[in-house]
Protein backbone atom coordinates (compact mmCIF):
# COMPACT_ATOMS: atom_id res chain seq x y z
CA MET A 1 11.95 3.55 -26.42
CA LEU A 2 10.41 6.10 -24.21
CA VAL A 3 12.23 7.37 -20.97
CA LEU A 4 10.97 8.85 -18.25
CA TYR A 5 14.08 10.87 -16.60
CA ILE A 6 12.84 11.76 -12.69
CA GLU A 7 15.48 14.47 -11.77
CA ASP A 8 14.70 18.00 -9.91
CA ASP A 9 17.89 19.47 -10.92
CA PRO A 10 17.49 21.74 -13.86
CA ASN A 11 20.27 21.72 -15.61
CA SER A 12 20.63 17.36 -14.68
CA LEU A 13 17.85 17.37 -16.48
CA ARG A 14 18.79 19.95 -19.76
CA LEU A 15 21.97 17.99 -20.33
CA ILE A 16 20.12 14.66 -20.05
CA GLU A 17 17.94 15.99 -22.50
CA LYS A 18 20.72 16.41 -24.89
CA PHE A 19 23.22 14.03 -24.94
CA LEU A 20 19.49 11.43 -25.14
CA SER A 21 17.25 12.93 -27.51
CA LYS A 22 19.17 11.90 -30.80
CA THR A 23 19.30 8.08 -29.16
CA ILE A 24 15.64 7.10 -27.90
CA ASP A 25 12.02 7.80 -29.34
CA LYS A 26 10.81 9.81 -26.08
CA LEU A 27 11.73 11.08 -23.20
CA LEU A 28 9.63 12.55 -20.11
CA THR A 29 10.72 14.10 -17.07
CA ALA A 30 9.76 14.39 -13.61
CA ILE A 31 10.52 17.38 -11.03
CA ASN A 32 10.19 15.05 -8.00
CA ALA A 33 9.02 12.22 -6.79
CA THR A 34 5.42 12.51 -7.02
CA GLU A 35 5.18 13.16 -10.42
CA GLY A 36 7.67 10.76 -10.77
CA TRP A 37 5.29 8.19 -9.28
CA GLN A 38 2.05 9.14 -12.10
CA LEU A 39 4.00 8.94 -14.84
CA ALA A 40 5.86 5.78 -14.17
CA LEU A 41 1.88 4.68 -13.13
CA LYS A 42 0.39 5.81 -16.60
CA HIS A 43 3.38 5.76 -19.22
CA GLN A 44 5.56 2.38 -18.32
CA PRO A 45 8.13 3.82 -19.70
CA ASP A 46 11.03 1.42 -21.19
CA LEU A 47 13.05 2.56 -18.84
CA ILE A 48 13.29 5.08 -15.37
CA LEU A 49 16.65 7.42 -14.14
CA LEU A 50 16.60 8.07 -11.12
CA ASP A 51 17.69 10.88 -9.16
CA MET A 52 18.35 9.88 -5.38
CA HIS A 53 18.37 13.04 -4.31
CA LEU A 54 14.50 14.25 -4.21
CA PRO A 55 12.47 17.31 -2.66
CA ASP A 56 10.44 15.07 -1.86
CA ILE A 57 10.31 11.02 -1.18
CA ALA A 58 13.85 9.69 -1.37
CA GLY A 59 14.93 8.10 -4.41
CA LEU A 60 15.09 4.61 -2.15
CA ASP A 61 11.67 5.00 -1.60
CA LEU A 62 11.14 5.68 -4.71
CA LEU A 63 12.56 2.69 -5.93
CA LYS A 64 10.67 0.83 -3.35
CA GLN A 65 7.43 1.87 -4.04
CA LEU A 66 8.25 0.92 -8.09
CA LYS A 67 9.29 -2.39 -7.91
CA GLU A 68 6.71 -3.56 -5.48
CA ASN A 69 3.68 -2.75 -7.91
CA PRO A 70 3.44 -4.76 -10.05
CA VAL A 71 2.90 -2.24 -13.15
CA THR A 72 7.02 -0.35 -12.21
CA LYS A 73 8.36 -3.38 -10.91
CA ALA A 74 9.74 -4.90 -14.81
CA ILE A 75 10.07 -1.40 -15.24
CA PRO A 76 14.59 -1.29 -15.27
CA VAL A 77 15.44 1.71 -12.47
CA VAL A 78 19.53 3.32 -13.14
CA GLY A 79 20.18 5.23 -10.18
CA ILE A 80 22.13 8.45 -10.47
CA SER A 81 23.76 11.07 -7.38
CA ALA A 82 26.25 13.69 -7.11
CA TYR A 83 26.41 11.43 -3.95
CA GLY A 84 27.53 8.35 -3.07
CA SER A 85 26.77 5.97 -0.66
CA SER A 86 27.08 2.42 0.42
CA SER A 87 23.25 2.29 1.18
CA VAL A 88 22.65 3.15 -1.83
CA GLN A 89 25.34 1.29 -3.56
CA LYS A 90 23.68 -2.16 -1.94
CA VAL A 91 20.13 -1.60 -3.33
CA PHE A 92 21.65 -1.30 -7.27
CA SER A 93 24.02 -4.17 -7.04
CA SER A 94 21.84 -7.10 -5.59
């Protein structure tokens, strides 16, 4: 299984890398939405873990971009955030 984790916080990246290292085949990481978008298009991962608060593009905007593109629209995306908001919950519950 190939997982892409898009996260700008180095501590969170290390935590997920350690947590998933024994359960998946490969983990790709990106520190911003632009890099994550490029990796998603190039590698078409089995799963994307997406931080909702990225420095360059909002996580919800990247999610919309992923779901509108034929190459990436079928890839499951799990939103990750330390902050809760009703707008994020609505997107992921529909």
